[in-house]
N, C-alpha and C. Protein backbone atom coordinates (compact mmCIF):
# COMPACT_ATOMS: atom_id res chain seq x y z
N MET A 1 116.61 85.98 108.57
CA MET A 1 116.17 86.87 109.06
C MET A 1 114.93 88.08 107.86
N VAL A 2 115.66 88.01 107.13
CA VAL A 2 114.76 88.35 105.65
C VAL A 2 113.48 88.04 105.69
N GLU A 3 113.50 86.39 105.71
CA GLU A 3 111.93 86.15 105.54
C GLU A 3 111.22 86.16 106.69
N ASP A 4 111.57 86.59 107.87
CA ASP A 4 111.22 87.44 109.03
C ASP A 4 110.71 88.27 108.79
N ASN A 5 111.38 89.31 108.48
CA ASN A 5 110.91 90.49 108.31
C ASN A 5 109.39 90.94 106.96
N LYS A 6 109.57 89.70 106.25
CA LYS A 6 108.69 89.60 105.16
C LYS A 6 107.41 89.51 105.61
N LYS A 7 107.36 88.66 106.85
CA LYS A 7 106.06 88.15 107.30
C LYS A 7 105.58 89.05 108.51
N VAL A 8 106.24 89.85 108.70
CA VAL A 8 105.75 90.95 109.45
C VAL A 8 105.50 91.66 108.24
N VAL A 9 105.87 92.80 107.09
CA VAL A 9 105.59 93.38 106.51
C VAL A 9 103.93 92.94 105.91
N LEU A 10 104.07 91.55 105.58
CA LEU A 10 103.08 90.91 105.09
C LEU A 10 101.71 91.07 105.81
N GLY A 11 102.23 90.67 107.55
CA GLY A 11 101.12 90.25 108.30
C GLY A 11 100.31 91.74 109.01
N CYS A 12 101.20 93.31 108.59
CA CYS A 12 100.75 94.34 109.07
C CYS A 12 99.49 94.22 107.79
N TRP A 13 99.81 94.28 106.59
CA TRP A 13 98.89 94.38 104.93
C TRP A 13 98.09 93.73 105.25
N GLU A 14 98.32 92.16 105.88
CA GLU A 14 96.39 91.37 105.73
C GLU A 14 95.48 92.07 106.87
N ALA A 15 96.36 92.58 108.57
CA ALA A 15 95.70 93.02 109.44
C ALA A 15 95.32 94.52 108.49
N ALA A 16 95.52 94.88 107.56
CA ALA A 16 94.81 96.32 107.50
C ALA A 16 93.70 95.99 106.20
N ASN A 17 93.32 94.78 105.88
CA ASN A 17 92.32 94.17 104.95
C ASN A 17 91.62 93.55 106.20
N ARG A 18 91.47 93.48 107.52
CA ARG A 18 91.01 92.89 108.22
C ARG A 18 90.23 94.24 108.97
N ARG A 19 90.59 94.95 108.54
CA ARG A 19 90.44 96.11 109.70
C ARG A 19 90.61 96.10 110.99
N ASP A 20 91.74 95.79 111.29
CA ASP A 20 92.58 95.32 112.51
C ASP A 20 93.54 96.36 112.82
N LEU A 21 92.90 97.08 113.69
CA LEU A 21 93.93 98.15 114.24
C LEU A 21 94.78 97.61 115.20
N SER A 22 94.17 97.16 116.45
CA SER A 22 94.88 96.20 117.49
C SER A 22 95.97 95.45 117.32
N ALA A 23 96.02 94.33 115.44
CA ALA A 23 96.49 93.71 115.09
C ALA A 23 98.07 94.50 114.92
N PHE A 24 97.95 95.40 114.64
CA PHE A 24 99.31 96.29 114.65
C PHE A 24 99.71 96.89 115.33
N ASP A 25 99.68 96.85 116.72
CA ASP A 25 100.86 96.43 117.84
C ASP A 25 101.80 95.64 117.83
N GLY A 26 101.26 94.32 117.48
CA GLY A 26 102.48 93.40 116.88
C GLY A 26 103.11 93.66 115.79
N PHE A 27 102.77 94.66 114.83
CA PHE A 27 103.69 94.85 113.91
C PHE A 27 105.14 96.66 113.83
N TYR A 28 104.07 96.94 114.69
CA TYR A 28 105.00 98.47 114.31
C TYR A 28 105.27 98.69 115.71
N ALA A 29 106.66 99.17 115.96
CA ALA A 29 107.04 99.50 117.62
C ALA A 29 106.58 100.71 117.79
N GLU A 30 106.76 100.40 119.32
CA GLU A 30 106.26 101.63 119.97
C GLU A 30 106.48 103.15 119.63
N ASN A 31 107.98 103.24 119.02
CA ASN A 31 108.11 104.65 118.48
C ASN A 31 108.23 104.63 117.22
N ALA A 32 107.56 103.63 116.41
CA ALA A 32 107.61 103.96 114.90
C ALA A 32 107.27 105.37 114.37
N VAL A 33 107.66 105.53 112.88
CA VAL A 33 107.77 106.71 112.08
C VAL A 33 106.70 106.20 110.84
N TYR A 34 106.36 106.79 110.38
CA TYR A 34 105.80 106.20 109.27
C TYR A 34 105.58 107.87 108.28
N TYR A 35 106.48 107.62 107.24
CA TYR A 35 106.11 108.93 105.82
C TYR A 35 105.26 108.47 105.23
N ASP A 36 104.78 109.71 104.75
CA ASP A 36 104.14 109.05 103.29
C ASP A 36 104.00 110.94 102.81
N SER A 37 103.30 111.19 101.25
CA SER A 37 102.84 112.24 101.60
C SER A 37 102.49 113.65 101.64
N GLN A 38 101.89 113.09 102.66
CA GLN A 38 101.53 114.07 103.92
C GLN A 38 102.42 114.37 104.63
N GLY A 39 103.73 114.04 105.25
CA GLY A 39 104.84 114.16 106.07
C GLY A 39 104.69 112.83 107.13
N GLU A 40 104.99 113.45 107.78
CA GLU A 40 105.52 112.45 109.19
C GLU A 40 104.40 111.78 110.48
N VAL A 41 104.21 110.90 110.22
CA VAL A 41 103.91 110.52 112.16
C VAL A 41 104.54 109.79 112.43
N ARG A 42 105.02 110.31 114.36
CA ARG A 42 105.45 109.30 114.75
C ARG A 42 104.64 108.80 115.77
N GLY A 43 105.09 107.39 116.81
CA GLY A 43 104.50 106.22 117.22
C GLY A 43 103.37 105.88 117.03
N ARG A 44 103.25 104.84 117.13
CA ARG A 44 102.29 103.82 117.37
C ARG A 44 101.09 103.76 116.66
N GLU A 45 100.55 104.61 118.30
CA GLU A 45 99.06 105.01 118.21
C GLU A 45 98.45 106.20 117.23
N ASN A 46 99.68 107.07 116.94
CA ASN A 46 99.27 108.19 116.05
C ASN A 46 99.09 107.17 114.17
N ILE A 47 100.02 106.22 114.30
CA ILE A 47 100.09 105.72 112.95
C ILE A 47 99.01 104.65 112.88
N LYS A 48 98.87 104.46 113.91
CA LYS A 48 97.05 103.58 113.85
C LYS A 48 96.16 104.56 113.46
N ALA A 49 96.11 105.82 114.20
CA ALA A 49 95.07 106.56 114.15
C ALA A 49 95.10 107.36 112.27
N HIS A 50 96.21 107.45 111.71
CA HIS A 50 96.32 108.06 110.63
C HIS A 50 95.59 106.84 109.70
N LEU A 51 96.00 106.01 109.49
CA LEU A 51 95.72 104.74 109.20
C LEU A 51 94.29 104.73 108.89
N GLN A 52 93.67 104.60 110.10
CA GLN A 52 92.50 104.57 110.19
C GLN A 52 91.11 105.62 109.50
N ARG A 53 91.71 106.98 108.88
CA ARG A 53 91.52 107.50 107.98
C ARG A 53 91.19 107.26 106.66
N TYR A 54 92.30 106.35 106.77
CA TYR A 54 91.74 105.54 104.96
C TYR A 54 90.82 104.63 104.83
N MET A 55 91.04 103.85 106.69
CA MET A 55 89.68 102.88 106.29
C MET A 55 88.60 103.30 106.54
N THR A 56 88.08 104.23 107.00
CA THR A 56 86.89 105.24 107.38
C THR A 56 86.26 105.93 105.78
N ALA A 57 87.32 106.45 105.05
CA ALA A 57 87.29 106.84 103.87
C ALA A 57 86.69 105.98 102.90
N ALA A 58 87.39 104.65 103.20
CA ALA A 58 86.82 103.62 101.71
C ALA A 58 87.10 102.41 102.44
N PRO A 59 85.67 101.75 103.77
CA PRO A 59 85.51 100.89 104.32
C PRO A 59 85.68 99.46 103.87
N ASP A 60 85.86 99.40 101.81
CA ASP A 60 86.11 98.63 101.63
C ASP A 60 87.22 98.11 100.69
N LEU A 61 88.33 99.22 101.53
CA LEU A 61 89.41 98.96 100.43
C LEU A 61 90.11 97.61 100.77
N LYS A 62 90.88 97.33 99.97
CA LYS A 62 91.53 95.88 99.81
C LYS A 62 93.04 96.05 99.09
N VAL A 63 93.44 95.56 99.66
CA VAL A 63 95.12 95.75 99.55
C VAL A 63 95.69 94.34 98.88
N THR A 64 96.75 94.13 97.62
CA THR A 64 97.30 93.21 97.42
C THR A 64 98.75 93.53 96.94
N VAL A 65 99.42 92.20 97.63
CA VAL A 65 100.40 92.72 97.34
C VAL A 65 101.06 92.02 96.54
N GLU A 66 101.50 92.89 95.27
CA GLU A 66 101.78 91.84 93.89
C GLU A 66 103.25 92.08 94.08
N ASP A 67 104.07 92.39 94.34
CA ASP A 67 105.56 92.31 94.74
C ASP A 67 106.30 92.23 96.45
N ILE A 68 107.13 92.09 96.48
CA ILE A 68 107.92 91.95 97.77
C ILE A 68 108.95 91.73 98.00
N PHE A 69 110.10 91.97 98.28
CA PHE A 69 111.45 91.69 98.61
C PHE A 69 111.73 92.04 99.70
N GLY A 70 112.86 92.06 100.02
CA GLY A 70 113.85 92.05 101.43
C GLY A 70 115.09 92.10 101.05
N GLU A 71 116.02 92.93 102.03
CA GLU A 71 117.57 92.61 101.77
C GLU A 71 117.99 93.93 103.70
N GLY A 72 118.27 92.57 104.22
CA GLY A 72 118.99 93.01 105.86
C GLY A 72 117.77 93.37 106.67
N ASP A 73 117.50 94.87 106.87
CA ASP A 73 116.06 95.10 107.76
C ASP A 73 115.23 95.85 107.23
N ARG A 74 115.63 95.98 105.69
CA ARG A 74 114.50 96.27 104.63
C ARG A 74 113.74 95.46 104.36
N VAL A 75 112.42 95.91 104.10
CA VAL A 75 111.28 94.79 103.14
C VAL A 75 111.06 96.43 102.09
N PHE A 76 110.49 95.88 100.94
CA PHE A 76 109.77 96.96 99.71
C PHE A 76 108.98 95.94 99.59
N SER A 77 107.59 96.66 99.48
CA SER A 77 106.75 96.18 98.87
C SER A 77 106.27 97.14 97.99
N ARG A 78 105.05 96.44 96.75
CA ARG A 78 104.22 97.03 95.61
C ARG A 78 102.88 96.44 95.96
N VAL A 79 102.23 97.36 96.05
CA VAL A 79 101.24 96.41 96.39
C VAL A 79 99.60 97.25 95.18
N ARG A 80 98.16 96.88 95.03
CA ARG A 80 97.28 97.64 94.25
C ARG A 80 96.56 97.61 95.54
N MET A 81 95.74 99.06 95.59
CA MET A 81 94.75 99.20 96.47
C MET A 81 93.37 99.68 95.62
N GLN A 82 92.47 99.11 95.65
CA GLN A 82 90.97 98.71 95.27
C GLN A 82 90.00 99.09 96.29
N GLY A 83 89.05 99.77 96.57
CA GLY A 83 88.20 99.78 97.22
C GLY A 83 87.26 101.34 96.55
N THR A 84 86.05 101.73 97.55
CA THR A 84 84.70 102.43 97.02
C THR A 84 85.27 104.03 98.29
N HIS A 85 85.67 105.07 97.77
CA HIS A 85 85.17 106.26 98.60
C HIS A 85 83.80 106.47 99.14
N THR A 86 83.51 105.89 100.38
CA THR A 86 81.97 105.98 100.74
C THR A 86 81.74 106.91 101.74
N GLY A 87 83.33 107.05 102.74
CA GLY A 87 83.11 107.92 104.12
C GLY A 87 84.21 109.29 103.88
N PRO A 88 84.29 109.92 104.96
CA PRO A 88 84.67 111.48 104.36
C PRO A 88 86.80 110.88 104.55
N PHE A 89 86.95 111.38 103.82
CA PHE A 89 88.67 111.55 104.03
C PHE A 89 89.20 112.77 103.84
N GLY A 90 89.23 113.06 105.78
CA GLY A 90 89.45 114.41 106.23
C GLY A 90 88.49 115.56 105.62
N GLU A 91 88.55 116.78 104.64
CA GLU A 91 87.66 117.59 104.32
C GLU A 91 87.26 116.93 103.17
N ILE A 92 87.42 116.20 102.23
CA ILE A 92 87.04 115.57 101.38
C ILE A 92 85.85 114.77 101.80
N PRO A 93 84.67 114.97 101.29
CA PRO A 93 83.21 114.79 101.32
C PRO A 93 83.45 113.35 100.37
N PRO A 94 82.33 112.29 100.95
CA PRO A 94 82.31 110.91 100.33
C PRO A 94 82.05 111.22 98.71
N THR A 95 82.44 110.14 97.45
CA THR A 95 81.64 110.65 95.85
C THR A 95 81.49 109.44 95.93
N GLY A 96 81.52 108.37 96.32
CA GLY A 96 80.68 106.50 96.02
C GLY A 96 81.69 106.25 95.00
N ARG A 97 82.32 106.97 94.40
CA ARG A 97 83.47 106.43 93.18
C ARG A 97 84.19 105.18 93.86
N SER A 98 84.53 104.46 93.21
CA SER A 98 85.76 103.72 93.02
C SER A 98 87.18 103.84 92.87
N ILE A 99 88.13 103.36 93.34
CA ILE A 99 89.51 103.98 93.16
C ILE A 99 90.42 102.11 93.02
N ASP A 100 91.41 102.35 91.87
CA ASP A 100 91.82 101.17 91.63
C ASP A 100 93.15 101.60 91.73
N ILE A 101 94.30 101.64 92.17
CA ILE A 101 95.49 102.12 92.45
C ILE A 101 96.58 101.17 92.22
N ARG A 102 97.01 101.00 91.29
CA ARG A 102 98.09 100.04 90.83
C ARG A 102 99.35 99.96 91.52
N TRP A 103 99.84 101.15 92.00
CA TRP A 103 101.06 101.24 92.20
C TRP A 103 101.43 102.17 93.77
N THR A 104 101.22 101.06 94.42
CA THR A 104 101.77 102.02 95.95
C THR A 104 103.03 101.51 96.18
N MET A 105 103.90 102.13 96.43
CA MET A 105 105.53 101.37 96.95
C MET A 105 105.86 101.76 98.47
N ASN A 106 106.24 100.58 98.96
CA ASN A 106 106.10 101.07 100.75
C ASN A 106 107.66 100.45 101.06
N ALA A 107 108.51 101.04 101.39
CA ALA A 107 109.51 100.77 101.93
C ALA A 107 109.54 100.32 103.99
N CYS A 108 109.75 99.27 104.45
CA CYS A 108 109.90 99.39 106.00
C CYS A 108 111.13 99.30 106.31
N ARG A 109 111.78 99.45 107.39
CA ARG A 109 112.91 99.13 108.19
C ARG A 109 112.14 98.04 109.49
N VAL A 110 112.67 97.23 109.63
CA VAL A 110 112.36 95.78 110.74
C VAL A 110 113.18 96.21 111.84
N GLU A 111 113.60 96.05 113.10
CA GLU A 111 113.99 95.73 114.06
C GLU A 111 113.03 94.85 115.14
N GLY A 112 114.12 94.09 115.31
CA GLY A 112 113.68 93.23 116.58
C GLY A 112 111.78 92.72 115.96
N GLY A 113 111.47 92.48 114.78
CA GLY A 113 110.29 91.71 114.55
C GLY A 113 109.60 92.96 114.73
N LYS A 114 109.71 94.16 114.71
CA LYS A 114 108.89 94.85 114.41
C LYS A 114 109.61 96.57 113.68
N ILE A 115 108.39 96.97 112.70
CA ILE A 115 108.38 97.83 111.63
C ILE A 115 108.74 99.51 112.85
N VAL A 116 110.00 99.71 112.06
CA VAL A 116 110.46 101.09 113.17
C VAL A 116 110.71 102.34 112.34
N GLU A 117 110.70 101.84 111.27
CA GLU A 117 110.49 103.33 110.12
C GLU A 117 109.35 102.20 109.00
N GLU A 118 108.86 103.11 108.31
CA GLU A 118 107.94 103.16 106.83
C GLU A 118 107.48 104.19 106.03
N TRP A 119 108.21 103.58 104.74
CA TRP A 119 107.98 105.24 103.96
C TRP A 119 106.96 104.20 103.10
N GLU A 120 105.57 105.38 102.39
CA GLU A 120 104.85 104.80 101.50
C GLU A 120 104.54 105.98 100.38
N ILE A 121 104.70 105.71 99.14
CA ILE A 121 104.94 106.35 97.76
C ILE A 121 103.57 106.38 97.27
N CYS A 122 102.29 106.72 97.24
CA CYS A 122 101.10 106.60 96.68
C CYS A 122 100.89 107.30 95.45
N ASP A 123 100.36 106.97 94.05
CA ASP A 123 99.89 108.09 93.62
C ASP A 123 98.52 109.13 93.98
N THR A 124 98.87 109.79 94.53
CA THR A 124 97.78 110.55 95.28
C THR A 124 96.73 111.72 94.00
N LEU A 125 97.65 111.65 92.93
CA LEU A 125 97.27 112.21 91.91
C LEU A 125 96.32 111.53 90.93
N ASP A 126 96.80 110.44 90.90
CA ASP A 126 95.17 109.03 90.01
C ASP A 126 94.20 108.94 91.55
N ILE A 127 94.51 108.86 92.58
CA ILE A 127 93.52 108.83 93.34
C ILE A 127 92.45 109.99 92.80
N PHE A 128 92.71 111.29 93.22
CA PHE A 128 91.88 112.34 92.91
C PHE A 128 91.42 112.57 91.53
N ARG A 129 91.73 111.87 90.70
CA ARG A 129 91.32 111.95 89.26
C ARG A 129 90.21 110.65 89.74
N GLN A 130 90.33 109.54 89.97
CA GLN A 130 89.44 108.57 89.86
C GLN A 130 87.99 108.68 90.57
N LEU A 131 88.40 109.88 91.84
CA LEU A 131 87.34 110.02 92.36
C LEU A 131 86.62 111.57 91.62
N GLY A 132 87.06 111.64 90.91
CA GLY A 132 86.66 112.58 90.24
C GLY A 132 86.87 114.51 90.46
N LEU A 133 87.89 114.84 91.36
CA LEU A 133 88.15 115.74 92.21
C LEU A 133 89.10 116.46 91.11
N ILE A 134 89.61 115.85 90.33
CA ILE A 134 90.49 116.78 89.47
C ILE A 134 90.30 116.21 87.52
N GLN A 135 90.45 116.28 86.79
CA GLN A 135 90.80 116.31 85.50
C GLN A 135 91.63 115.63 84.70
N ALA A 136 91.65 114.51 84.29
CA ALA A 136 92.76 113.94 84.10
C ALA A 136 93.52 114.65 82.77
N PRO A 137 95.35 114.97 82.76
CA PRO A 137 95.63 115.66 81.73
C PRO A 137 95.20 115.22 80.48
N VAL A 138 95.14 116.58 79.53
CA VAL A 138 94.79 116.49 77.98
C VAL A 138 96.72 116.24 77.58
N PRO A 139 96.04 115.07 76.64
CA PRO A 139 97.64 115.10 76.12
C PRO A 139 98.06 115.90 75.13
N ALA A 140 99.53 116.12 74.75
CA ALA A 140 99.45 116.90 73.87
C ALA A 140 99.25 116.46 72.30
N SER A 141 99.04 117.62 71.60
CA SER A 141 98.72 117.21 69.73
C SER A 141 100.25 117.09 69.73
N ALA A 142 100.26 116.15 68.35
CA ALA A 142 101.70 116.11 67.59
C ALA A 142 102.12 116.67 66.65
């Protein structure tokens, strides 16, 4: 069961790399719930629209799964995201700058071969820093 659940999550990441939103129908339950720093997104179609925003902002976005493990109905992955901000992201216009986010944590609950709940924690502050939207903190003097 755990290995099958890991295959579901890996398949979802691979579909994201292919920009294949229609493939998400095979990975997310119709009533799935997705949580991230922006809040809660309910329903597979809304999740796909939410994820499309990232694909629009960085059309070359590549996700590399660096760690994945599971227990019971839960699958946890740590991924690296790399891409170039060439499209709008909400109200943030394209900066043309590259991002390389080395730690994004993702947890999924899988039932019946589909993701029913997903939690994602991404270093948004580092994304904003890499895009030049904020300054990096200055280390305190000793």
